[in-house]
Amino acid sequence: MDLVYQAADLFRSSEDRARAGEARAEAAEQAQLEIIAATERKLRDASRALEEARRRIESQQEQLDAAEFRAQAAEAEAREAKQSLALVEDAIRRRLLLTSGHDDGRSAAVA
């Protein structure tokens, strides 16, 4: 009978170890699932942040392009204004020269 009790104890001990092993395996699997879920959340958050950053960069690039276009337009206007001013200055000089040439030899004074 002693042998039967020992065999039963050995069997219960094996069952207990198997249950403990199963419990550890289930706990490890649950922890792994939680890690995967947390990682997926972090990836989604990072993806959203990356997309938002991309949109901001595109918006800033559009603003930069618009500012560059306005600067080029302002430069063109400044060149045109400078050319117009040069034409006006030239016309004034010619007019003064013509006036001073008919002024009995006296030079015209410009203030």
PDB file of N, CA and C in Angstrom:
ATOM      1  N   MET A   1       0.824  -1.196   0.000  1.00  0.00           N
ATOM      2  CA  MET A   1       0.000   0.000   0.000  1.00  0.00           C
ATOM      3  C   MET A   1       0.866   1.257   0.000  1.00  0.00           C
ATOM      4  N   ASP A   2       1.975   1.166   0.648  1.00  0.00           N
ATOM      5  CA  ASP A   2       2.886   2.300   0.683  1.00  0.00           C
ATOM      6  C   ASP A   2       3.290   2.721  -0.721  1.00  0.00           C
ATOM      7  N   LEU A   3       3.474   1.761  -1.551  1.00  0.00           N
ATOM      8  CA  LEU A   3       3.861   2.025  -2.937  1.00  0.00           C
ATOM      9  C   LEU A   3       2.752   2.751  -3.678  1.00  0.00           C
ATOM     10  N   VAL A   4       1.529   2.405  -3.396  1.00  0.00           N
ATOM     11  CA  VAL A   4       0.380   3.061  -4.028  1.00  0.00           C
ATOM     12  C   VAL A   4       0.315   4.512  -3.572  1.00  0.00           C
ATOM     13  N   TYR A   5       0.535   4.780  -2.292  1.00  0.00           N
ATOM     14  CA  TYR A   5       0.517   6.152  -1.786  1.00  0.00           C
ATOM     15  C   TYR A   5       1.652   6.977  -2.386  1.00  0.00           C
ATOM     16  N   GLN A   6       2.780   6.363  -2.503  1.00  0.00           N
ATOM     17  CA  GLN A   6       3.930   7.069  -3.094  1.00  0.00           C
ATOM     18  C   GLN A   6       3.663   7.399  -4.563  1.00  0.00           C
ATOM     19  N   ALA A   7       3.066   6.461  -5.256  1.00  0.00           N
ATOM     20  CA  ALA A   7       2.745   6.671  -6.673  1.00  0.00           C
ATOM     21  C   ALA A   7       1.706   7.786  -6.802  1.00  0.00           C
ATOM     22  N   ALA A   8       0.717   7.779  -5.899  1.00  0.00           N
ATOM     23  CA  ALA A   8      -0.322   8.814  -5.933  1.00  0.00           C
ATOM     24  C   ALA A   8       0.278  10.170  -5.614  1.00  0.00           C
ATOM     25  N   ASP A   9       1.181  10.225  -4.622  1.00  0.00           N
ATOM     26  CA  ASP A   9       1.851  11.481  -4.288  1.00  0.00           C
ATOM     27  C   ASP A   9       2.683  11.974  -5.467  1.00  0.00           C
ATOM     28  N   LEU A  10       3.378  11.065  -6.094  1.00  0.00           N
ATOM     29  CA  LEU A  10       4.197  11.419  -7.256  1.00  0.00           C
ATOM     30  C   LEU A  10       3.310  11.951  -8.386  1.00  0.00           C
ATOM     31  N   PHE A  11       2.185  11.298  -8.599  1.00  0.00           N
ATOM     32  CA  PHE A  11       1.256  11.737  -9.643  1.00  0.00           C
ATOM     33  C   PHE A  11       0.700  13.121  -9.318  1.00  0.00           C
ATOM     34  N   ARG A  12       0.276  13.354  -8.021  1.00  0.00           N
ATOM     35  CA  ARG A  12      -0.245  14.665  -7.621  1.00  0.00           C
ATOM     36  C   ARG A  12       0.840  15.735  -7.771  1.00  0.00           C
ATOM     37  N   SER A  13       2.038  15.389  -7.394  1.00  0.00           N
ATOM     38  CA  SER A  13       3.148  16.330  -7.511  1.00  0.00           C
ATOM     39  C   SER A  13       3.390  16.690  -8.980  1.00  0.00           C
ATOM     40  N   SER A  14       3.330  15.703  -9.839  1.00  0.00           N
ATOM     41  CA  SER A  14       3.496  15.955 -11.277  1.00  0.00           C
ATOM     42  C   SER A  14       2.365  16.830 -11.802  1.00  0.00           C
ATOM     43  N   GLU A  15       1.145  16.532 -11.349  1.00  0.00           N
ATOM     44  CA  GLU A  15      -0.002  17.354 -11.759  1.00  0.00           C
ATOM     45  C   GLU A  15       0.166  18.788 -11.280  1.00  0.00           C
ATOM     46  N   ASP A  16       0.600  18.956 -10.038  1.00  0.00           N
ATOM     47  CA  ASP A  16       0.801  20.298  -9.478  1.00  0.00           C
ATOM     48  C   ASP A  16       1.850  21.058 -10.287  1.00  0.00           C
ATOM     49  N   ARG A  17       2.952  20.388 -10.604  1.00  0.00           N
ATOM     50  CA  ARG A  17       3.997  21.042 -11.408  1.00  0.00           C
ATOM     51  C   ARG A  17       3.468  21.405 -12.799  1.00  0.00           C
ATOM     52  N   ALA A  18       2.678  20.519 -13.369  1.00  0.00           N
ATOM     53  CA  ALA A  18       2.108  20.783 -14.700  1.00  0.00           C
ATOM     54  C   ALA A  18       1.177  21.983 -14.637  1.00  0.00           C
ATOM     55  N   ARG A  19       0.316  22.050 -13.576  1.00  0.00           N
ATOM     56  CA  ARG A  19      -0.592  23.183 -13.437  1.00  0.00           C
ATOM     57  C   ARG A  19       0.197  24.475 -13.230  1.00  0.00           C
ATOM     58  N   ALA A  20       1.244  24.416 -12.412  1.00  0.00           N
ATOM     59  CA  ALA A  20       2.071  25.603 -12.173  1.00  0.00           C
ATOM     60  C   ALA A  20       2.759  26.034 -13.464  1.00  0.00           C
ATOM     61  N   GLY A  21       3.232  25.064 -14.223  1.00  0.00           N
ATOM     62  CA  GLY A  21       3.849  25.383 -15.516  1.00  0.00           C
ATOM     63  C   GLY A  21       2.848  26.009 -16.465  1.00  0.00           C
ATOM     64  N   GLU A  22       1.641  25.461 -16.479  1.00  0.00           N
ATOM     65  CA  GLU A  22       0.583  26.034 -17.324  1.00  0.00           C
ATOM     66  C   GLU A  22       0.256  27.455 -16.899  1.00  0.00           C
ATOM     67  N   ALA A  23       0.161  27.679 -15.597  1.00  0.00           N
ATOM     68  CA  ALA A  23      -0.149  29.014 -15.072  1.00  0.00           C
ATOM     69  C   ALA A  23       0.950  30.002 -15.464  1.00  0.00           C
ATOM     70  N   ARG A  24       2.221  29.564 -15.353  1.00  0.00           N
ATOM     71  CA  ARG A  24       3.320  30.454 -15.752  1.00  0.00           C
ATOM     72  C   ARG A  24       3.269  30.733 -17.252  1.00  0.00           C
ATOM     73  N   ALA A  25       2.960  29.715 -18.040  1.00  0.00           N
ATOM     74  CA  ALA A  25       2.874  29.895 -19.491  1.00  0.00           C
ATOM     75  C   ALA A  25       1.746  30.864 -19.841  1.00  0.00           C
ATOM     76  N   GLU A  26       0.592  30.712 -19.162  1.00  0.00           N
ATOM     77  CA  GLU A  26      -0.537  31.619 -19.410  1.00  0.00           C
ATOM     78  C   GLU A  26      -0.193  33.047 -18.982  1.00  0.00           C
ATOM     79  N   ALA A  27       0.486  33.198 -17.859  1.00  0.00           N
ATOM     80  CA  ALA A  27       0.885  34.533 -17.387  1.00  0.00           C
ATOM     81  C   ALA A  27       1.874  35.162 -18.362  1.00  0.00           C
ATOM     82  N   ALA A  28       2.817  34.342 -18.850  1.00  0.00           N
ATOM     83  CA  ALA A  28       3.790  34.865 -19.818  1.00  0.00           C
ATOM     84  C   ALA A  28       3.095  35.259 -21.118  1.00  0.00           C
ATOM     85  N   GLU A  29       2.144  34.440 -21.539  1.00  0.00           N
ATOM     86  CA  GLU A  29       1.390  34.753 -22.766  1.00  0.00           C
ATOM     87  C   GLU A  29       0.585  36.037 -22.590  1.00  0.00           C
ATOM     88  N   GLN A  30      -0.047  36.186 -21.428  1.00  0.00           N
ATOM     89  CA  GLN A  30      -0.824  37.409 -21.144  1.00  0.00           C
ATOM     90  C   GLN A  30       0.084  38.629 -21.127  1.00  0.00           C
ATOM     91  N   ALA A  31       1.250  38.498 -20.494  1.00  0.00           N
ATOM     92  CA  ALA A  31       2.198  39.618 -20.456  1.00  0.00           C
ATOM     93  C   ALA A  31       2.658  39.964 -21.865  1.00  0.00           C
ATOM     94  N   GLN A  32       2.890  38.938 -22.660  1.00  0.00           N
ATOM     95  CA  GLN A  32       3.315  39.175 -24.042  1.00  0.00           C
ATOM     96  C   GLN A  32       2.213  39.886 -24.836  1.00  0.00           C
ATOM     97  N   LEU A  33       0.963  39.475 -24.651  1.00  0.00           N
ATOM     98  CA  LEU A  33      -0.154  40.135 -25.330  1.00  0.00           C
ATOM     99  C   LEU A  33      -0.272  41.593 -24.905  1.00  0.00           C
ATOM    100  N   GLU A  34      -0.055  41.864 -23.613  1.00  0.00           N
ATOM    101  CA  GLU A  34      -0.115  43.242 -23.123  1.00  0.00           C
ATOM    102  C   GLU A  34       1.019  44.077 -23.716  1.00  0.00           C
ATOM    103  N   ILE A  35       2.197  43.488 -23.822  1.00  0.00           N
ATOM    104  CA  ILE A  35       3.335  44.195 -24.428  1.00  0.00           C
ATOM    105  C   ILE A  35       3.048  44.495 -25.891  1.00  0.00           C
ATOM    106  N   ILE A  36       2.487  43.532 -26.591  1.00  0.00           N
ATOM    107  CA  ILE A  36       2.149  43.730 -28.012  1.00  0.00           C
ATOM    108  C   ILE A  36       1.107  44.843 -28.155  1.00  0.00           C
ATOM    109  N   ALA A  37       0.088  44.822 -27.294  1.00  0.00           N
ATOM    110  CA  ALA A  37      -0.956  45.855 -27.366  1.00  0.00           C
ATOM    111  C   ALA A  37      -0.365  47.232 -27.071  1.00  0.00           C
ATOM    112  N   ALA A  38       0.500  47.318 -26.060  1.00  0.00           N
ATOM    113  CA  ALA A  38       1.122  48.612 -25.723  1.00  0.00           C
ATOM    114  C   ALA A  38       2.010  49.080 -26.864  1.00  0.00           C
ATOM    115  N   THR A  39       2.729  48.159 -27.462  1.00  0.00           N
ATOM    116  CA  THR A  39       3.596  48.514 -28.595  1.00  0.00           C
ATOM    117  C   THR A  39       2.773  49.003 -29.777  1.00  0.00           C
ATOM    118  N   GLU A  40       1.662  48.345 -30.047  1.00  0.00           N
ATOM    119  CA  GLU A  40       0.791  48.775 -31.143  1.00  0.00           C
ATOM    120  C   GLU A  40       0.229  50.171 -30.882  1.00  0.00           C
ATOM    121  N   ARG A  41      -0.161  50.447 -29.623  1.00  0.00           N
ATOM    122  CA  ARG A  41      -0.664  51.785 -29.288  1.00  0.00           C
ATOM    123  C   ARG A  41       0.432  52.832 -29.515  1.00  0.00           C
ATOM    124  N   LYS A  42       1.637  52.514 -29.059  1.00  0.00           N
ATOM    125  CA  LYS A  42       2.738  53.454 -29.236  1.00  0.00           C
ATOM    126  C   LYS A  42       3.038  53.669 -30.716  1.00  0.00           C
ATOM    127  N   LEU A  43       2.969  52.622 -31.506  1.00  0.00           N
ATOM    128  CA  LEU A  43       3.196  52.762 -32.950  1.00  0.00           C
ATOM    129  C   LEU A  43       2.120  53.628 -33.596  1.00  0.00           C
ATOM    130  N   ARG A  44       0.859  53.421 -33.192  1.00  0.00           N
ATOM    131  CA  ARG A  44      -0.221  54.259 -33.732  1.00  0.00           C
ATOM    132  C   ARG A  44      -0.014  55.712 -33.339  1.00  0.00           C
ATOM    133  N   ASP A  45       0.353  55.950 -32.067  1.00  0.00           N
ATOM    134  CA  ASP A  45       0.602  57.323 -31.611  1.00  0.00           C
ATOM    135  C   ASP A  45       1.760  57.950 -32.385  1.00  0.00           C
ATOM    136  N   ALA A  46       2.824  57.185 -32.559  1.00  0.00           N
ATOM    137  CA  ALA A  46       3.985  57.691 -33.297  1.00  0.00           C
ATOM    138  C   ALA A  46       3.624  57.962 -34.751  1.00  0.00           C
ATOM    139  N   SER A  47       2.806  57.096 -35.331  1.00  0.00           N
ATOM    140  CA  SER A  47       2.376  57.284 -36.715  1.00  0.00           C
ATOM    141  C   SER A  47       1.543  58.554 -36.856  1.00  0.00           C
ATOM    142  N   ARG A  48       0.637  58.776 -35.898  1.00  0.00           N
ATOM    143  CA  ARG A  48      -0.173  60.004 -35.924  1.00  0.00           C
ATOM    144  C   ARG A  48       0.715  61.234 -35.768  1.00  0.00           C
ATOM    145  N   ALA A  49       1.667  61.166 -34.851  1.00  0.00           N
ATOM    146  CA  ALA A  49       2.568  62.303 -34.637  1.00  0.00           C
ATOM    147  C   ALA A  49       3.407  62.564 -35.881  1.00  0.00           C
ATOM    148  N   LEU A  50       3.856  61.505 -36.514  1.00  0.00           N
ATOM    149  CA  LEU A  50       4.642  61.647 -37.739  1.00  0.00           C
ATOM    150  C   LEU A  50       3.808  62.262 -38.857  1.00  0.00           C
ATOM    151  N   GLU A  51       2.574  61.835 -38.985  1.00  0.00           N
ATOM    152  CA  GLU A  51       1.683  62.383 -40.015  1.00  0.00           C
ATOM    153  C   GLU A  51       1.406  63.860 -39.749  1.00  0.00           C
ATOM    154  N   GLU A  52       1.182  64.208 -38.482  1.00  0.00           N
ATOM    155  CA  GLU A  52       0.950  65.610 -38.122  1.00  0.00           C
ATOM    156  C   GLU A  52       2.189  66.449 -38.436  1.00  0.00           C
ATOM    157  N   ALA A  53       3.358  65.925 -38.123  1.00  0.00           N
ATOM    158  CA  ALA A  53       4.605  66.643 -38.424  1.00  0.00           C
ATOM    159  C   ALA A  53       4.764  66.823 -39.932  1.00  0.00           C
ATOM    160  N   ARG A  54       4.406  65.786 -40.700  1.00  0.00           N
ATOM    161  CA  ARG A  54       4.494  65.880 -42.166  1.00  0.00           C
ATOM    162  C   ARG A  54       3.560  66.974 -42.692  1.00  0.00           C
ATOM    163  N   ARG A  55       2.348  67.024 -42.142  1.00  0.00           N
ATOM    164  CA  ARG A  55       1.396  68.063 -42.575  1.00  0.00           C
ATOM    165  C   ARG A  55       1.909  69.460 -42.231  1.00  0.00           C
ATOM    166  N   ARG A  56       2.488  69.596 -41.017  1.00  0.00           N
ATOM    167  CA  ARG A  56       3.037  70.904 -40.635  1.00  0.00           C
ATOM    168  C   ARG A  56       4.192  71.309 -41.539  1.00  0.00           C
ATOM    169  N   ILE A  57       5.046  70.360 -41.871  1.00  0.00           N
ATOM    170  CA  ILE A  57       6.178  70.661 -42.746  1.00  0.00           C
ATOM    171  C   ILE A  57       5.673  71.077 -44.127  1.00  0.00           C
ATOM    172  N   GLU A  58       4.678  70.364 -44.640  1.00  0.00           N
ATOM    173  CA  GLU A  58       4.109  70.729 -45.945  1.00  0.00           C
ATOM    174  C   GLU A  58       3.507  72.131 -45.898  1.00  0.00           C
ATOM    175  N   SER A  59       2.799  72.442 -44.817  1.00  0.00           N
ATOM    176  CA  SER A  59       2.194  73.767 -44.668  1.00  0.00           C
ATOM    177  C   SER A  59       3.276  74.838 -44.612  1.00  0.00           C
ATOM    178  N   GLN A  60       4.321  74.583 -43.839  1.00  0.00           N
ATOM    179  CA  GLN A  60       5.415  75.552 -43.751  1.00  0.00           C
ATOM    180  C   GLN A  60       6.119  75.708 -45.092  1.00  0.00           C
ATOM    181  N   GLN A  61       6.251  74.609 -45.843  1.00  0.00           N
ATOM    182  CA  GLN A  61       6.876  74.696 -47.161  1.00  0.00           C
ATOM    183  C   GLN A  61       6.008  75.540 -48.098  1.00  0.00           C
ATOM    184  N   GLU A  62       4.697  75.355 -48.021  1.00  0.00           N
ATOM    185  CA  GLU A  62       3.798  76.168 -48.840  1.00  0.00           C
ATOM    186  C   GLU A  62       3.921  77.645 -48.470  1.00  0.00           C
ATOM    187  N   GLN A  63       4.000  77.931 -47.162  1.00  0.00           N
ATOM    188  CA  GLN A  63       4.159  79.315 -46.721  1.00  0.00           C
ATOM    189  C   GLN A  63       5.491  79.881 -47.196  1.00  0.00           C
ATOM    190  N   LEU A  64       6.530  79.060 -47.136  1.00  0.00           N
ATOM    191  CA  LEU A  64       7.844  79.490 -47.602  1.00  0.00           C
ATOM    192  C   LEU A  64       7.823  79.770 -49.104  1.00  0.00           C
ATOM    193  N   ASP A  65       7.168  78.886 -49.863  1.00  0.00           N
ATOM    194  CA  ASP A  65       7.057  79.088 -51.306  1.00  0.00           C
ATOM    195  C   ASP A  65       6.305  80.385 -51.619  1.00  0.00           C
ATOM    196  N   ALA A  66       5.214  80.631 -50.875  1.00  0.00           N
ATOM    197  CA  ALA A  66       4.435  81.854 -51.083  1.00  0.00           C
ATOM    198  C   ALA A  66       5.272  83.088 -50.743  1.00  0.00           C
ATOM    199  N   ALA A  67       6.034  83.019 -49.651  1.00  0.00           N
ATOM    200  CA  ALA A  67       6.884  84.148 -49.277  1.00  0.00           C
ATOM    201  C   ALA A  67       7.962  84.377 -50.334  1.00  0.00           C
ATOM    202  N   GLU A  68       8.520  83.305 -50.866  1.00  0.00           N
ATOM    203  CA  GLU A  68       9.531  83.425 -51.920  1.00  0.00           C
ATOM    204  C   GLU A  68       8.924  84.076 -53.163  1.00  0.00           C
ATOM    205  N   PHE A  69       7.706  83.665 -53.506  1.00  0.00           N
ATOM    206  CA  PHE A  69       7.028  84.248 -54.663  1.00  0.00           C
ATOM    207  C   PHE A  69       6.792  85.740 -54.441  1.00  0.00           C
ATOM    208  N   ARG A  70       6.332  86.097 -53.218  1.00  0.00           N
ATOM    209  CA  ARG A  70       6.104  87.514 -52.921  1.00  0.00           C
ATOM    210  C   ARG A  70       7.421  88.300 -52.968  1.00  0.00           C
ATOM    211  N   ALA A  71       8.495  87.692 -52.487  1.00  0.00           N
ATOM    212  CA  ALA A  71       9.799  88.371 -52.513  1.00  0.00           C
ATOM    213  C   ALA A  71      10.256  88.597 -53.952  1.00  0.00           C
ATOM    214  N   GLN A  72      10.058  87.598 -54.796  1.00  0.00           N
ATOM    215  CA  GLN A  72      10.440  87.750 -56.204  1.00  0.00           C
ATOM    216  C   GLN A  72       9.607  88.832 -56.877  1.00  0.00           C
ATOM    217  N   ALA A  73       8.309  88.859 -56.560  1.00  0.00           N
ATOM    218  CA  ALA A  73       7.447  89.889 -57.128  1.00  0.00           C
ATOM    219  C   ALA A  73       7.875  91.275 -56.645  1.00  0.00           C
ATOM    220  N   ALA A  74       8.212  91.395 -55.371  1.00  0.00           N
ATOM    221  CA  ALA A  74       8.662  92.682 -54.818  1.00  0.00           C
ATOM    222  C   ALA A  74       9.977  93.110 -55.458  1.00  0.00           C
ATOM    223  N   GLU A  75      10.874  92.146 -55.681  1.00  0.00           N
ATOM    224  CA  GLU A  75      12.142  92.472 -56.350  1.00  0.00           C
ATOM    225  C   GLU A  75      11.896  92.968 -57.763  1.00  0.00           C
ATOM    226  N   ALA A  76      10.971  92.330 -58.474  1.00  0.00           N
ATOM    227  CA  ALA A  76      10.648  92.755 -59.838  1.00  0.00           C
ATOM    228  C   ALA A  76      10.045  94.164 -59.828  1.00  0.00           C
ATOM    229  N   GLU A  77       9.157  94.420 -58.865  1.00  0.00           N
ATOM    230  CA  GLU A  77       8.570  95.758 -58.756  1.00  0.00           C
ATOM    231  C   GLU A  77       9.644  96.794 -58.431  1.00  0.00           C
ATOM    232  N   ALA A  78      10.571  96.416 -57.568  1.00  0.00           N
ATOM    233  CA  ALA A  78      11.652  97.346 -57.210  1.00  0.00           C
ATOM    234  C   ALA A  78      12.519  97.644 -58.432  1.00  0.00           C
ATOM    235  N   ARG A  79      12.804  96.626 -59.237  1.00  0.00           N
ATOM    236  CA  ARG A  79      13.587  96.864 -60.468  1.00  0.00           C
ATOM    237  C   ARG A  79      12.844  97.794 -61.418  1.00  0.00           C
ATOM    238  N   GLU A  80      11.539  97.544 -61.559  1.00  0.00           N
ATOM    239  CA  GLU A  80      10.735  98.397 -62.442  1.00  0.00           C
ATOM    240  C   GLU A  80      10.713  99.836 -61.926  1.00  0.00           C
ATOM    241  N   ALA A  81      10.547  99.987 -60.603  1.00  0.00           N
ATOM    242  CA  ALA A  81      10.530 101.331 -60.014  1.00  0.00           C
ATOM    243  C   ALA A  81      11.877 102.012 -60.220  1.00  0.00           C
ATOM    244  N   LYS A  82      12.954 101.260 -60.066  1.00  0.00           N
ATOM    245  CA  LYS A  82      14.296 101.821 -60.261  1.00  0.00           C
ATOM    246  C   LYS A  82      14.489 102.251 -61.715  1.00  0.00           C
ATOM    247  N   GLN A  83      14.009 101.431 -62.632  1.00  0.00           N
ATOM    248  CA  GLN A  83      14.104 101.795 -64.054  1.00  0.00           C
ATOM    249  C   GLN A  83      13.277 103.043 -64.357  1.00  0.00           C
ATOM    250  N   SER A  84      12.074 103.095 -63.779  1.00  0.00           N
ATOM    251  CA  SER A  84      11.224 104.275 -63.986  1.00  0.00           C
ATOM    252  C   SER A  84      11.880 105.517 -63.410  1.00  0.00           C
ATOM    253  N   LEU A  85      12.464 105.394 -62.235  1.00  0.00           N
ATOM    254  CA  LEU A  85      13.145 106.518 -61.607  1.00  0.00           C
ATOM    255  C   LEU A  85      14.327 106.966 -62.472  1.00  0.00           C
ATOM    256  N   ALA A  86      15.068 105.999 -63.017  1.00  0.00           N
ATOM    257  CA  ALA A  86      16.199 106.351 -63.881  1.00  0.00           C
ATOM    258  C   ALA A  86      15.708 107.105 -65.115  1.00  0.00           C
ATOM    259  N   LEU A  87      14.568 106.682 -65.673  1.00  0.00           N
ATOM    260  CA  LEU A  87      14.011 107.375 -66.835  1.00  0.00           C
ATOM    261  C   LEU A  87      13.595 108.793 -66.468  1.00  0.00           C
ATOM    262  N   VAL A  88      12.969 108.939 -65.290  1.00  0.00           N
ATOM    263  CA  VAL A  88      12.537 110.265 -64.836  1.00  0.00           C
ATOM    264  C   VAL A  88      13.756 111.151 -64.612  1.00  0.00           C
ATOM    265  N   GLU A  89      14.789 110.600 -63.947  1.00  0.00           N
ATOM    266  CA  GLU A  89      16.016 111.380 -63.713  1.00  0.00           C
ATOM    267  C   GLU A  89      16.645 111.802 -65.031  1.00  0.00           C
ATOM    268  N   ASP A  90      16.685 110.879 -65.980  1.00  0.00           N
ATOM    269  CA  ASP A  90      17.254 111.194 -67.294  1.00  0.00           C
ATOM    270  C   ASP A  90      16.441 112.286 -67.988  1.00  0.00           C
ATOM    271  N   ALA A  91      15.115 112.195 -67.909  1.00  0.00           N
ATOM    272  CA  ALA A  91      14.266 113.211 -68.528  1.00  0.00           C
ATOM    273  C   ALA A  91      14.485 114.571 -67.862  1.00  0.00           C
ATOM    274  N   ILE A  92      14.637 114.570 -66.533  1.00  0.00           N
ATOM    275  CA  ILE A  92      14.875 115.835 -65.828  1.00  0.00           C
ATOM    276  C   ILE A  92      16.209 116.422 -66.249  1.00  0.00           C
ATOM    277  N   ARG A  93      17.242 115.601 -66.347  1.00  0.00           N
ATOM    278  CA  ARG A  93      18.566 116.100 -66.769  1.00  0.00           C
ATOM    279  C   ARG A  93      18.492 116.700 -68.164  1.00  0.00           C
ATOM    280  N   ARG A  94      17.835 115.971 -69.084  1.00  0.00           N
ATOM    281  CA  ARG A  94      17.724 116.486 -70.458  1.00  0.00           C
ATOM    282  C   ARG A  94      16.974 117.807 -70.479  1.00  0.00           C
ATOM    283  N   ARG A  95      15.932 117.876 -69.693  1.00  0.00           N
ATOM    284  CA  ARG A  95      15.128 119.092 -69.639  1.00  0.00           C
ATOM    285  C   ARG A  95      15.961 120.259 -69.085  1.00  0.00           C
ATOM    286  N   LEU A  96      16.738 119.973 -68.019  1.00  0.00           N
ATOM    287  CA  LEU A  96      17.589 121.005 -67.441  1.00  0.00           C
ATOM    288  C   LEU A  96      18.678 121.428 -68.417  1.00  0.00           C
ATOM    289  N   LEU A  97      19.229 120.450 -69.139  1.00  0.00           N
ATOM    290  CA  LEU A  97      20.268 120.783 -70.121  1.00  0.00           C
ATOM    291  C   LEU A  97      19.701 121.635 -71.255  1.00  0.00           C
ATOM    292  N   LEU A  98      18.500 121.268 -71.686  1.00  0.00           N
ATOM    293  CA  LEU A  98      17.867 122.062 -72.744  1.00  0.00           C
ATOM    294  C   LEU A  98      17.569 123.475 -72.254  1.00  0.00           C
ATOM    295  N   THR A  99      17.089 123.568 -71.019  1.00  0.00           N
ATOM    296  CA  THR A  99      16.765 124.866 -70.441  1.00  0.00           C
ATOM    297  C   THR A  99      18.024 125.688 -70.236  1.00  0.00           C
ATOM    298  N   SER A 100      19.068 125.065 -69.743  1.00  0.00           N
ATOM    299  CA  SER A 100      20.293 125.809 -69.479  1.00  0.00           C
ATOM    300  C   SER A 100      20.986 126.196 -70.779  1.00  0.00           C
ATOM    301  N   GLY A 101      20.780 125.463 -71.852  1.00  0.00           N
ATOM    302  CA  GLY A 101      21.381 125.811 -73.141  1.00  0.00           C
ATOM    303  C   GLY A 101      20.746 127.038 -73.747  1.00  0.00           C
ATOM    304  N   HIS A 102      19.523 127.350 -73.419  1.00  0.00           N
ATOM    305  CA  HIS A 102      18.818 128.513 -73.950  1.00  0.00           C
ATOM    306  C   HIS A 102      18.814 129.664 -72.968  1.00  0.00           C
ATOM    307  N   ASP A 103      19.660 129.608 -71.961  1.00  0.00           N
ATOM    308  CA  ASP A 103      19.627 130.593 -70.890  1.00  0.00           C
ATOM    309  C   ASP A 103      20.773 131.563 -70.997  1.00  0.00           C
ATOM    310  N   ASP A 104      21.115 131.992 -72.196  1.00  0.00           N
ATOM    311  CA  ASP A 104      22.152 132.988 -72.461  1.00  0.00           C
ATOM    312  C   ASP A 104      23.499 132.606 -71.814  1.00  0.00           C
ATOM    313  N   GLY A 105      23.793 131.331 -71.805  1.00  0.00           N
ATOM    314  CA  GLY A 105      25.097 130.936 -71.331  1.00  0.00           C
ATOM    315  C   GLY A 105      25.185 130.761 -69.831  1.00  0.00           C
ATOM    316  N   ARG A 106      24.141 131.090 -69.123  1.00  0.00           N
ATOM    317  CA  ARG A 106      24.166 130.897 -67.684  1.00  0.00           C
ATOM    318  C   ARG A 106      23.765 129.446 -67.353  1.00  0.00           C
ATOM    319  N   SER A 107      24.343 128.907 -66.324  1.00  0.00           N
ATOM    320  CA  SER A 107      24.005 127.515 -65.941  1.00  0.00           C
ATOM    321  C   SER A 107      22.811 127.523 -64.995  1.00  0.00           C
ATOM    322  N   ALA A 108      22.015 126.511 -65.093  1.00  0.00           N
ATOM    323  CA  ALA A 108      20.841 126.404 -64.217  1.00  0.00           C
ATOM    324  C   ALA A 108      21.252 125.812 -62.888  1.00  0.00           C
ATOM    325  N   ALA A 109      20.750 126.341 -61.835  1.00  0.00           N
ATOM    326  CA  ALA A 109      21.035 125.830 -60.504  1.00  0.00           C
ATOM    327  C   ALA A 109      19.918 124.911 -60.065  1.00  0.00           C
ATOM    328  N   VAL A 110      20.288 123.790 -59.544  1.00  0.00           N
ATOM    329  CA  VAL A 110      19.277 122.844 -59.093  1.00  0.00           C
ATOM    330  C   VAL A 110      19.448 122.656 -57.594  1.00  0.00           C
ATOM    331  N   ALA A 111      18.393 122.852 -56.862  1.00  0.00           N
ATOM    332  CA  ALA A 111      18.485 122.729 -55.394  1.00  0.00           C
ATOM    333  C   ALA A 111      17.989 121.399 -54.950  1.00  0.00           C
TER     334      ALA A 111
END
